[in-house]
Amino acid sequence: MSESAFGVHGPQQSVPVCRNHADRPTYVRCQRCDQPICSDCTRQAAVGVQCPQCVDAGKKNVRTPRTVAGAEIGNTKPVVTYGIIGVSVVAFAAQMLLGWDSFTQYFVFAPFLGLDEPWRFVTAALLHSTGWLLHIAFNMWALWVVGSQLELILGRARFITLYVLSAIGGHVAVLLLASPLSDSWAVGTLGASGAVFGLFGALVPVIRRVGGDLRGITGLIAINVVLGFVIPNISWQGHLGGLVTGLALSALYVRAPRDKKGLVAVVGSVLVAVVLIGAALGKYAAVGYL
């Protein structure tokens, strides 16, 4: 009589081995894919254990919580705001120590200088009046209060882009509303007010997007706009340009579709920059500088 293929005691049972380590027998199985896994491959899950492959696949399907502007929720330190305040304070100290002739005059903005030295559209926003300490004090306070919150909502890249373009937008407005036939063409402007007004403007679309009350921010904007006309030596033109620029950019950021916020932020920021550059060049061409 021939012997059974299964042996005299029935079929032989093979011991399962880990899906990732063929030399390690195991009786533990992944709760998702039911594949055997060794102790080195077990990952604790809400129920039972899972293999590394299933854990990685699960992470890809989890949507990261984001703000209305598309920034990841979790960044709690407004490092860009800290940085801008720090650079502004250092620049103010340099102004105090070196004076107008050795420092300030090379970075302040004036319409007649902007074409040949375009960096002034940005650098002037880092300077402040050394004869009026409330100038830098108010701007840095406003930047701290508004910027530290807005940076977390917009994300660092969008925030610094909005701040810089608002500063440029403020000085472009100064340029557009100046005339080479008047003193306004040679008057220097400096201060972060245009950029800060851009932050004020940026709050409007954000608050509307979340259904908040706009009365507080609109009242703040209105008061500061009026002060720009009442208090002498304040550039209301720069305030207006920064306000409009910040409002436009923020609207693009928060109103973009959820799955296209990154693309809209990049394209929208570039578009706004092109408009500002085009407006400035158009003004210089109109007055015969080009």
C-alpha atoms as a PDB file:
ATOM      1  CA  MET A   1       0.000   0.000   0.000  1.00  0.00           C
ATOM      2  CA  SER A   2       1.426   3.337  -0.988  1.00  0.00           C
ATOM      3  CA  GLU A   3       1.905   6.156   1.653  1.00  0.00           C
ATOM      4  CA  SER A   4      -0.365   9.196   1.496  1.00  0.00           C
ATOM      5  CA  ALA A   5       1.142  12.395   0.094  1.00  0.00           C
ATOM      6  CA  PHE A   6       0.107  14.136   3.292  1.00  0.00           C
ATOM      7  CA  GLY A   7       1.923  11.701   5.543  1.00  0.00           C
ATOM      8  CA  VAL A   8       0.456   9.350   8.071  1.00  0.00           C
ATOM      9  CA  HIS A   9      -0.709  12.220  10.305  1.00  0.00           C
ATOM     10  CA  GLY A  10      -2.497  14.392   7.710  1.00  0.00           C
ATOM     11  CA  PRO A  11      -1.443  17.591   5.874  1.00  0.00           C
ATOM     12  CA  GLN A  12       1.553  19.536   7.154  1.00  0.00           C
ATOM     13  CA  GLN A  13       0.876  23.114   8.357  1.00  0.00           C
ATOM     14  CA  SER A  14       3.439  25.780   7.322  1.00  0.00           C
ATOM     15  CA  VAL A  15       4.235  28.605   9.744  1.00  0.00           C
ATOM     16  CA  PRO A  16       3.467  32.068   8.247  1.00  0.00           C
ATOM     17  CA  VAL A  17       6.377  34.483   7.868  1.00  0.00           C
ATOM     18  CA  CYS A  18       6.493  38.274   8.043  1.00  0.00           C
ATOM     19  CA  ARG A  19       5.557  40.017   4.797  1.00  0.00           C
ATOM     20  CA  ASN A  20       8.689  42.175   5.062  1.00  0.00           C
ATOM     21  CA  HIS A  21      11.113  39.640   6.612  1.00  0.00           C
ATOM     22  CA  ALA A  22      10.880  36.181   5.066  1.00  0.00           C
ATOM     23  CA  ASP A  23      13.138  34.673   7.731  1.00  0.00           C
ATOM     24  CA  ARG A  24      10.872  35.597  10.655  1.00  0.00           C
ATOM     25  CA  PRO A  25       7.928  33.336  11.450  1.00  0.00           C
ATOM     26  CA  THR A  26       4.965  35.068  13.083  1.00  0.00           C
ATOM     27  CA  TYR A  27       1.303  34.563  13.876  1.00  0.00           C
ATOM     28  CA  VAL A  28       0.517  38.288  14.215  1.00  0.00           C
ATOM     29  CA  ARG A  29      -1.437  39.803  11.329  1.00  0.00           C
ATOM     30  CA  CYS A  30      -2.135  43.352  10.148  1.00  0.00           C
ATOM     31  CA  GLN A  31      -5.691  44.422  10.941  1.00  0.00           C
ATOM     32  CA  ARG A  32      -6.098  46.068   7.523  1.00  0.00           C
ATOM     33  CA  CYS A  33      -4.494  43.760   4.963  1.00  0.00           C
ATOM     34  CA  ASP A  34      -4.365  40.560   7.072  1.00  0.00           C
ATOM     35  CA  GLN A  35      -0.719  39.983   6.129  1.00  0.00           C
ATOM     36  CA  PRO A  36       1.576  38.413   8.748  1.00  0.00           C
ATOM     37  CA  ILE A  37       3.979  40.880  10.386  1.00  0.00           C
ATOM     38  CA  CYS A  38       6.815  40.447  12.871  1.00  0.00           C
ATOM     39  CA  SER A  39       7.363  42.506  15.999  1.00  0.00           C
ATOM     40  CA  ASP A  40       9.586  45.009  14.165  1.00  0.00           C
ATOM     41  CA  CYS A  41       6.846  45.687  11.624  1.00  0.00           C
ATOM     42  CA  THR A  42       3.909  46.124  13.982  1.00  0.00           C
ATOM     43  CA  ARG A  43       2.490  49.646  14.259  1.00  0.00           C
ATOM     44  CA  GLN A  44      -0.077  50.341  16.954  1.00  0.00           C
ATOM     45  CA  ALA A  45      -3.416  51.438  15.505  1.00  0.00           C
ATOM     46  CA  ALA A  46      -6.704  52.526  17.008  1.00  0.00           C
ATOM     47  CA  VAL A  47      -7.781  48.881  16.902  1.00  0.00           C
ATOM     48  CA  GLY A  48      -5.052  46.223  16.914  1.00  0.00           C
ATOM     49  CA  VAL A  49      -1.858  46.617  14.920  1.00  0.00           C
ATOM     50  CA  GLN A  50      -1.026  47.421  11.320  1.00  0.00           C
ATOM     51  CA  CYS A  51       1.905  46.906   8.998  1.00  0.00           C
ATOM     52  CA  PRO A  52       4.082  49.873   7.889  1.00  0.00           C
ATOM     53  CA  GLN A  53       2.614  49.769   4.378  1.00  0.00           C
ATOM     54  CA  CYS A  54      -0.960  50.149   5.595  1.00  0.00           C
ATOM     55  CA  VAL A  55       0.034  52.924   8.012  1.00  0.00           C
ATOM     56  CA  ASP A  56       1.685  54.886   5.176  1.00  0.00           C
ATOM     57  CA  ALA A  57      -1.322  54.340   2.920  1.00  0.00           C
ATOM     58  CA  GLY A  58      -3.621  55.576   5.653  1.00  0.00           C
ATOM     59  CA  LYS A  59      -1.610  58.763   6.136  1.00  0.00           C
ATOM     60  CA  LYS A  60      -1.988  59.621   2.466  1.00  0.00           C
ATOM     61  CA  ASN A  61      -5.754  59.504   2.793  1.00  0.00           C
ATOM     62  CA  VAL A  62      -5.841  61.808   5.834  1.00  0.00           C
ATOM     63  CA  ARG A  63      -6.493  65.424   4.859  1.00  0.00           C
ATOM     64  CA  THR A  64      -4.282  67.894   6.699  1.00  0.00           C
ATOM     65  CA  PRO A  65      -6.415  70.544   8.445  1.00  0.00           C
ATOM     66  CA  ARG A  66      -5.927  73.948   6.859  1.00  0.00           C
ATOM     67  CA  THR A  67      -7.050  77.537   7.342  1.00  0.00           C
ATOM     68  CA  VAL A  68      -9.369  79.456   5.014  1.00  0.00           C
ATOM     69  CA  ALA A  69      -6.296  80.566   3.053  1.00  0.00           C
ATOM     70  CA  GLY A  70      -4.880  77.057   2.715  1.00  0.00           C
ATOM     71  CA  ALA A  71      -2.146  77.259   5.375  1.00  0.00           C
ATOM     72  CA  GLU A  72      -1.477  74.186   7.479  1.00  0.00           C
ATOM     73  CA  ILE A  73      -2.866  74.437  10.991  1.00  0.00           C
ATOM     74  CA  GLY A  74      -0.150  73.760  13.520  1.00  0.00           C
ATOM     75  CA  ASN A  75       2.400  76.534  13.001  1.00  0.00           C
ATOM     76  CA  THR A  76       2.071  78.554  16.191  1.00  0.00           C
ATOM     77  CA  LYS A  77       5.059  80.888  15.973  1.00  0.00           C
ATOM     78  CA  PRO A  78       4.779  83.910  13.644  1.00  0.00           C
ATOM     79  CA  VAL A  79       8.477  83.887  12.802  1.00  0.00           C
ATOM     80  CA  VAL A  80       8.066  86.137   9.753  1.00  0.00           C
ATOM     81  CA  THR A  81       6.391  88.800  11.886  1.00  0.00           C
ATOM     82  CA  TYR A  82       9.207  88.497  14.420  1.00  0.00           C
ATOM     83  CA  GLY A  83      11.736  88.839  11.618  1.00  0.00           C
ATOM     84  CA  ILE A  84      10.174  91.949  10.077  1.00  0.00           C
ATOM     85  CA  ILE A  85       9.984  93.639  13.476  1.00  0.00           C
ATOM     86  CA  GLY A  86      13.595  92.695  14.192  1.00  0.00           C
ATOM     87  CA  VAL A  87      14.897  94.035  10.864  1.00  0.00           C
ATOM     88  CA  SER A  88      12.865  97.241  11.277  1.00  0.00           C
ATOM     89  CA  VAL A  89      14.272  97.831  14.765  1.00  0.00           C
ATOM     90  CA  VAL A  90      17.830  97.214  13.555  1.00  0.00           C
ATOM     91  CA  ALA A  91      17.272  99.602  10.630  1.00  0.00           C
ATOM     92  CA  PHE A  92      15.920 102.233  13.031  1.00  0.00           C
ATOM     93  CA  ALA A  93      18.993 101.841  15.230  1.00  0.00           C
ATOM     94  CA  ALA A  94      21.204 102.288  12.155  1.00  0.00           C
ATOM     95  CA  GLN A  95      19.280 105.449  11.290  1.00  0.00           C
ATOM     96  CA  MET A  96      19.854 106.817  14.775  1.00  0.00           C
ATOM     97  CA  LEU A  97      23.555 105.954  14.809  1.00  0.00           C
ATOM     98  CA  LEU A  98      24.538 106.773  11.214  1.00  0.00           C
ATOM     99  CA  GLY A  99      22.111 109.548  10.423  1.00  0.00           C
ATOM    100  CA  TRP A 100      20.500 110.651   7.172  1.00  0.00           C
ATOM    101  CA  ASP A 101      23.602 111.199   5.068  1.00  0.00           C
ATOM    102  CA  SER A 102      25.302 107.885   5.841  1.00  0.00           C
ATOM    103  CA  PHE A 103      22.293 105.552   5.873  1.00  0.00           C
ATOM    104  CA  THR A 104      18.700 106.745   5.522  1.00  0.00           C
ATOM    105  CA  GLN A 105      19.073 108.662   2.254  1.00  0.00           C
ATOM    106  CA  TYR A 106      20.145 105.493   0.430  1.00  0.00           C
ATOM    107  CA  PHE A 107      16.960 103.567   1.261  1.00  0.00           C
ATOM    108  CA  VAL A 108      14.146 106.138   1.545  1.00  0.00           C
ATOM    109  CA  PHE A 109      11.644 106.315  -1.347  1.00  0.00           C
ATOM    110  CA  ALA A 110      10.975 109.329  -3.527  1.00  0.00           C
ATOM    111  CA  PRO A 111       9.281 109.284  -6.950  1.00  0.00           C
ATOM    112  CA  PHE A 112      12.252 110.816  -8.761  1.00  0.00           C
ATOM    113  CA  LEU A 113      14.537 108.035  -7.459  1.00  0.00           C
ATOM    114  CA  GLY A 114      12.328 104.979  -7.933  1.00  0.00           C
ATOM    115  CA  LEU A 115      13.111 104.225 -11.570  1.00  0.00           C
ATOM    116  CA  ASP A 116      16.896 104.093 -11.235  1.00  0.00           C
ATOM    117  CA  GLU A 117      16.898 102.626  -7.717  1.00  0.00           C
ATOM    118  CA  PRO A 118      13.838 100.342  -7.536  1.00  0.00           C
ATOM    119  CA  TRP A 119      14.887  98.709  -4.245  1.00  0.00           C
ATOM    120  CA  ARG A 120      13.596 101.835  -2.528  1.00  0.00           C
ATOM    121  CA  PHE A 121      10.011 100.645  -3.143  1.00  0.00           C
ATOM    122  CA  VAL A 122      10.754  97.965  -0.504  1.00  0.00           C
ATOM    123  CA  THR A 123      13.523  99.299   1.729  1.00  0.00           C
ATOM    124  CA  ALA A 124      11.642 102.485   2.643  1.00  0.00           C
ATOM    125  CA  ALA A 125       9.112 100.296   4.489  1.00  0.00           C
ATOM    126  CA  LEU A 126      11.872  99.262   6.915  1.00  0.00           C
ATOM    127  CA  LEU A 127      12.730 102.851   7.872  1.00  0.00           C
ATOM    128  CA  HIS A 128      10.975 105.267  10.236  1.00  0.00           C
ATOM    129  CA  SER A 129      11.164 108.872  11.299  1.00  0.00           C
ATOM    130  CA  THR A 130      13.880 109.321  13.924  1.00  0.00           C
ATOM    131  CA  GLY A 131      12.284 112.531  15.155  1.00  0.00           C
ATOM    132  CA  TRP A 132       8.976 110.911  16.090  1.00  0.00           C
ATOM    133  CA  LEU A 133       9.326 107.706  18.098  1.00  0.00           C
ATOM    134  CA  LEU A 134       5.591 107.045  17.924  1.00  0.00           C
ATOM    135  CA  HIS A 135       6.060 106.382  14.200  1.00  0.00           C
ATOM    136  CA  ILE A 136       7.976 103.138  14.640  1.00  0.00           C
ATOM    137  CA  ALA A 137       6.203 102.333  17.927  1.00  0.00           C
ATOM    138  CA  PHE A 138       2.725 102.365  16.371  1.00  0.00           C
ATOM    139  CA  ASN A 139       3.759 100.505  13.218  1.00  0.00           C
ATOM    140  CA  MET A 140       5.549  97.745  15.123  1.00  0.00           C
ATOM    141  CA  TRP A 141       2.672  97.435  17.585  1.00  0.00           C
ATOM    142  CA  ALA A 142       0.158  97.140  14.734  1.00  0.00           C
ATOM    143  CA  LEU A 143       2.420  94.656  12.952  1.00  0.00           C
ATOM    144  CA  TRP A 144       2.667  92.571  16.106  1.00  0.00           C
ATOM    145  CA  VAL A 145      -1.071  92.583  16.850  1.00  0.00           C
ATOM    146  CA  VAL A 146      -2.348  92.023  13.313  1.00  0.00           C
ATOM    147  CA  GLY A 147       0.623  90.301  11.688  1.00  0.00           C
ATOM    148  CA  SER A 148       1.107  87.612  14.316  1.00  0.00           C
ATOM    149  CA  GLN A 149      -2.470  86.420  13.747  1.00  0.00           C
ATOM    150  CA  LEU A 150      -2.646  86.964  10.004  1.00  0.00           C
ATOM    151  CA  GLU A 151       0.596  85.055   9.430  1.00  0.00           C
ATOM    152  CA  LEU A 152      -0.911  81.925  10.992  1.00  0.00           C
ATOM    153  CA  ILE A 153      -4.011  82.262   8.810  1.00  0.00           C
ATOM    154  CA  LEU A 154      -2.253  82.977   5.510  1.00  0.00           C
ATOM    155  CA  GLY A 155       0.875  80.913   6.084  1.00  0.00           C
ATOM    156  CA  ARG A 156       4.400  82.283   6.061  1.00  0.00           C
ATOM    157  CA  ALA A 157       4.904  82.431   2.295  1.00  0.00           C
ATOM    158  CA  ARG A 158       1.616  84.195   1.603  1.00  0.00           C
ATOM    159  CA  PHE A 159       2.116  86.541   4.537  1.00  0.00           C
ATOM    160  CA  ILE A 160       5.577  87.782   3.548  1.00  0.00           C
ATOM    161  CA  THR A 161       4.422  88.109  -0.069  1.00  0.00           C
ATOM    162  CA  LEU A 162       1.425  90.179   0.998  1.00  0.00           C
ATOM    163  CA  TYR A 163       3.533  92.357   3.289  1.00  0.00           C
ATOM    164  CA  VAL A 164       6.196  93.110   0.672  1.00  0.00           C
ATOM    165  CA  LEU A 165       3.708  93.712  -2.153  1.00  0.00           C
ATOM    166  CA  SER A 166       1.631  95.969   0.117  1.00  0.00           C
ATOM    167  CA  ALA A 167       4.757  98.006   0.860  1.00  0.00           C
ATOM    168  CA  ILE A 168       5.452  98.258  -2.867  1.00  0.00           C
ATOM    169  CA  GLY A 169       1.797  99.058  -3.563  1.00  0.00           C
ATOM    170  CA  GLY A 170       1.940 101.922  -1.080  1.00  0.00           C
ATOM    171  CA  HIS A 171       4.924 103.490  -2.791  1.00  0.00           C
ATOM    172  CA  VAL A 172       3.467 102.908  -6.245  1.00  0.00           C
ATOM    173  CA  ALA A 173       0.407 104.892  -5.109  1.00  0.00           C
ATOM    174  CA  VAL A 174       2.714 107.672  -3.904  1.00  0.00           C
ATOM    175  CA  LEU A 175       4.331 107.671  -7.347  1.00  0.00           C
ATOM    176  CA  LEU A 176       1.047 107.627  -9.268  1.00  0.00           C
ATOM    177  CA  LEU A 177      -0.383 110.561  -7.292  1.00  0.00           C
ATOM    178  CA  ALA A 178       2.783 112.674  -7.493  1.00  0.00           C
ATOM    179  CA  SER A 179       3.685 115.164 -10.177  1.00  0.00           C
ATOM    180  CA  PRO A 180       7.150 116.129 -11.446  1.00  0.00           C
ATOM    181  CA  LEU A 181       5.845 119.702 -11.552  1.00  0.00           C
ATOM    182  CA  SER A 182       5.325 119.817  -7.782  1.00  0.00           C
ATOM    183  CA  ASP A 183       7.314 119.183  -4.627  1.00  0.00           C
ATOM    184  CA  SER A 184       5.623 115.784  -4.260  1.00  0.00           C
ATOM    185  CA  TRP A 185       8.014 114.369  -6.866  1.00  0.00           C
ATOM    186  CA  ALA A 186      11.043 114.973  -4.636  1.00  0.00           C
ATOM    187  CA  VAL A 187       9.568 114.407  -1.165  1.00  0.00           C
ATOM    188  CA  GLY A 188      10.947 111.289   0.537  1.00  0.00           C
ATOM    189  CA  THR A 189       8.595 108.819   2.220  1.00  0.00           C
ATOM    190  CA  LEU A 190       9.478 106.123   4.718  1.00  0.00           C
ATOM    191  CA  GLY A 191       7.753 103.843   7.184  1.00  0.00           C
ATOM    192  CA  ALA A 192       5.919 100.520   7.388  1.00  0.00           C
ATOM    193  CA  SER A 193       2.490 102.181   7.331  1.00  0.00           C
ATOM    194  CA  GLY A 194       1.703 101.164   3.743  1.00  0.00           C
ATOM    195  CA  ALA A 195       2.524  97.531   4.485  1.00  0.00           C
ATOM    196  CA  VAL A 196       0.605  97.656   7.786  1.00  0.00           C
ATOM    197  CA  PHE A 197      -2.418  99.050   5.965  1.00  0.00           C
ATOM    198  CA  GLY A 198      -2.044  96.089   3.632  1.00  0.00           C
ATOM    199  CA  LEU A 199      -2.473  93.840   6.679  1.00  0.00           C
ATOM    200  CA  PHE A 200      -5.560  95.833   7.713  1.00  0.00           C
ATOM    201  CA  GLY A 201      -7.000  95.350   4.238  1.00  0.00           C
ATOM    202  CA  ALA A 202      -6.144  91.642   4.264  1.00  0.00           C
ATOM    203  CA  LEU A 203      -8.268  91.119   7.355  1.00  0.00           C
ATOM    204  CA  VAL A 204     -11.456  92.113   5.531  1.00  0.00           C
ATOM    205  CA  PRO A 205     -11.697  89.082   3.169  1.00  0.00           C
ATOM    206  CA  VAL A 206     -10.533  86.773   5.970  1.00  0.00           C
ATOM    207  CA  ILE A 207     -13.210  87.967   8.384  1.00  0.00           C
ATOM    208  CA  ARG A 208     -15.886  87.830   5.673  1.00  0.00           C
ATOM    209  CA  ARG A 209     -14.829  84.315   4.710  1.00  0.00           C
ATOM    210  CA  VAL A 210     -15.383  83.018   8.244  1.00  0.00           C
ATOM    211  CA  GLY A 211     -18.579  84.999   8.719  1.00  0.00           C
ATOM    212  CA  GLY A 212     -17.151  87.373  11.332  1.00  0.00           C
ATOM    213  CA  ASP A 213     -18.162  90.913  12.247  1.00  0.00           C
ATOM    214  CA  LEU A 214     -16.453  93.507  10.033  1.00  0.00           C
ATOM    215  CA  ARG A 215     -17.380  96.556  12.106  1.00  0.00           C
ATOM    216  CA  GLY A 216     -14.225  96.465  14.222  1.00  0.00           C
ATOM    217  CA  ILE A 217     -11.719  96.306  11.372  1.00  0.00           C
ATOM    218  CA  THR A 218     -13.620  98.747   9.138  1.00  0.00           C
ATOM    219  CA  GLY A 219     -13.787 101.216  12.019  1.00  0.00           C
ATOM    220  CA  LEU A 220     -10.031 100.844  12.598  1.00  0.00           C
ATOM    221  CA  ILE A 221      -9.309 101.391   8.911  1.00  0.00           C
ATOM    222  CA  ALA A 222     -11.601 104.422   8.742  1.00  0.00           C
ATOM    223  CA  ILE A 223      -9.984 106.056  11.772  1.00  0.00           C
ATOM    224  CA  ASN A 224      -6.493 105.572  10.398  1.00  0.00           C
ATOM    225  CA  VAL A 225      -7.481 106.831   6.963  1.00  0.00           C
ATOM    226  CA  VAL A 226      -8.894 110.011   8.509  1.00  0.00           C
ATOM    227  CA  LEU A 227      -5.752 110.475  10.614  1.00  0.00           C
ATOM    228  CA  GLY A 228      -3.723 110.345   7.421  1.00  0.00           C
ATOM    229  CA  PHE A 229      -5.449 113.533   6.265  1.00  0.00           C
ATOM    230  CA  VAL A 230      -5.524 115.282   9.650  1.00  0.00           C
ATOM    231  CA  ILE A 231      -1.994 114.704  10.949  1.00  0.00           C
ATOM    232  CA  PRO A 232       0.683 116.479   8.855  1.00  0.00           C
ATOM    233  CA  ASN A 233       3.559 114.641   7.147  1.00  0.00           C
ATOM    234  CA  ILE A 234       1.627 111.366   6.854  1.00  0.00           C
ATOM    235  CA  SER A 235       1.457 109.777   3.417  1.00  0.00           C
ATOM    236  CA  TRP A 236      -2.225 108.981   2.925  1.00  0.00           C
ATOM    237  CA  GLN A 237      -1.319 107.918  -0.607  1.00  0.00           C
ATOM    238  CA  GLY A 238       0.908 105.165   0.768  1.00  0.00           C
ATOM    239  CA  HIS A 239      -1.810 104.070   3.186  1.00  0.00           C
ATOM    240  CA  LEU A 240      -4.331 103.858   0.360  1.00  0.00           C
ATOM    241  CA  GLY A 241      -2.022 101.910  -1.952  1.00  0.00           C
ATOM    242  CA  GLY A 242      -1.070  99.412   0.733  1.00  0.00           C
ATOM    243  CA  LEU A 243      -4.695  98.954   1.786  1.00  0.00           C
ATOM    244  CA  VAL A 244      -5.914  98.178  -1.741  1.00  0.00           C
ATOM    245  CA  THR A 245      -3.002  95.843  -2.452  1.00  0.00           C
ATOM    246  CA  GLY A 246      -3.437  93.853   0.757  1.00  0.00           C
ATOM    247  CA  LEU A 247      -7.196  93.573   0.298  1.00  0.00           C
ATOM    248  CA  ALA A 248      -6.832  92.319  -3.289  1.00  0.00           C
ATOM    249  CA  LEU A 249      -4.210  89.709  -2.425  1.00  0.00           C
ATOM    250  CA  SER A 250      -6.090  88.418   0.601  1.00  0.00           C
ATOM    251  CA  ALA A 251      -9.268  88.064  -1.460  1.00  0.00           C
ATOM    252  CA  LEU A 252      -7.360  85.905  -3.942  1.00  0.00           C
ATOM    253  CA  TYR A 253      -5.905  83.771  -1.166  1.00  0.00           C
ATOM    254  CA  VAL A 254      -9.100  83.045   0.770  1.00  0.00           C
ATOM    255  CA  ARG A 255     -11.579  82.851  -2.109  1.00  0.00           C
ATOM    256  CA  ALA A 256      -9.619  80.354  -4.190  1.00  0.00           C
ATOM    257  CA  PRO A 257     -11.032  76.796  -4.449  1.00  0.00           C
ATOM    258  CA  ARG A 258      -9.709  74.454  -1.756  1.00  0.00           C
ATOM    259  CA  ASP A 259      -7.762  72.251  -4.181  1.00  0.00           C
ATOM    260  CA  LYS A 260      -6.243  75.202  -6.071  1.00  0.00           C
ATOM    261  CA  LYS A 261      -5.290  77.604  -3.282  1.00  0.00           C
ATOM    262  CA  GLY A 262      -1.560  77.077  -3.794  1.00  0.00           C
ATOM    263  CA  LEU A 263      -1.752  77.690  -7.541  1.00  0.00           C
ATOM    264  CA  VAL A 264      -4.012  80.731  -7.168  1.00  0.00           C
ATOM    265  CA  ALA A 265      -1.706  82.182  -4.492  1.00  0.00           C
ATOM    266  CA  VAL A 266       1.325  81.958  -6.766  1.00  0.00           C
ATOM    267  CA  VAL A 267      -0.385  83.140  -9.951  1.00  0.00           C
ATOM    268  CA  GLY A 268      -2.343  85.849  -8.130  1.00  0.00           C
ATOM    269  CA  SER A 269       0.738  87.210  -6.374  1.00  0.00           C
ATOM    270  CA  VAL A 270       2.680  87.337  -9.627  1.00  0.00           C
ATOM    271  CA  LEU A 271      -0.246  89.061 -11.338  1.00  0.00           C
ATOM    272  CA  VAL A 272      -0.487  91.730  -8.633  1.00  0.00           C
ATOM    273  CA  ALA A 273       3.280  92.281  -8.818  1.00  0.00           C
ATOM    274  CA  VAL A 274       3.075  92.676 -12.601  1.00  0.00           C
ATOM    275  CA  VAL A 275       0.235  95.199 -12.246  1.00  0.00           C
ATOM    276  CA  LEU A 276       2.231  97.253  -9.734  1.00  0.00           C
ATOM    277  CA  ILE A 277       5.367  97.202 -11.871  1.00  0.00           C
ATOM    278  CA  GLY A 278       3.345  98.064 -14.972  1.00  0.00           C
ATOM    279  CA  ALA A 279       1.635 100.971 -13.205  1.00  0.00           C
ATOM    280  CA  ALA A 280       4.971 102.361 -12.015  1.00  0.00           C
ATOM    281  CA  LEU A 281       6.602 102.063 -15.444  1.00  0.00           C
ATOM    282  CA  GLY A 282       3.530 103.587 -17.069  1.00  0.00           C
ATOM    283  CA  LYS A 283       3.774 106.605 -14.766  1.00  0.00           C
ATOM    284  CA  TYR A 284       7.464 107.093 -15.501  1.00  0.00           C
ATOM    285  CA  ALA A 285       6.787 106.794 -19.219  1.00  0.00           C
ATOM    286  CA  ALA A 286       3.955 109.314 -18.991  1.00  0.00           C
ATOM    287  CA  VAL A 287       6.173 111.941 -17.359  1.00  0.00           C
ATOM    288  CA  GLY A 288       9.056 111.383 -19.770  1.00  0.00           C
ATOM    289  CA  TYR A 289      11.388 109.333 -17.585  1.00  0.00           C
ATOM    290  CA  LEU A 290      11.297 106.380 -20.035  1.00  0.00           C
END
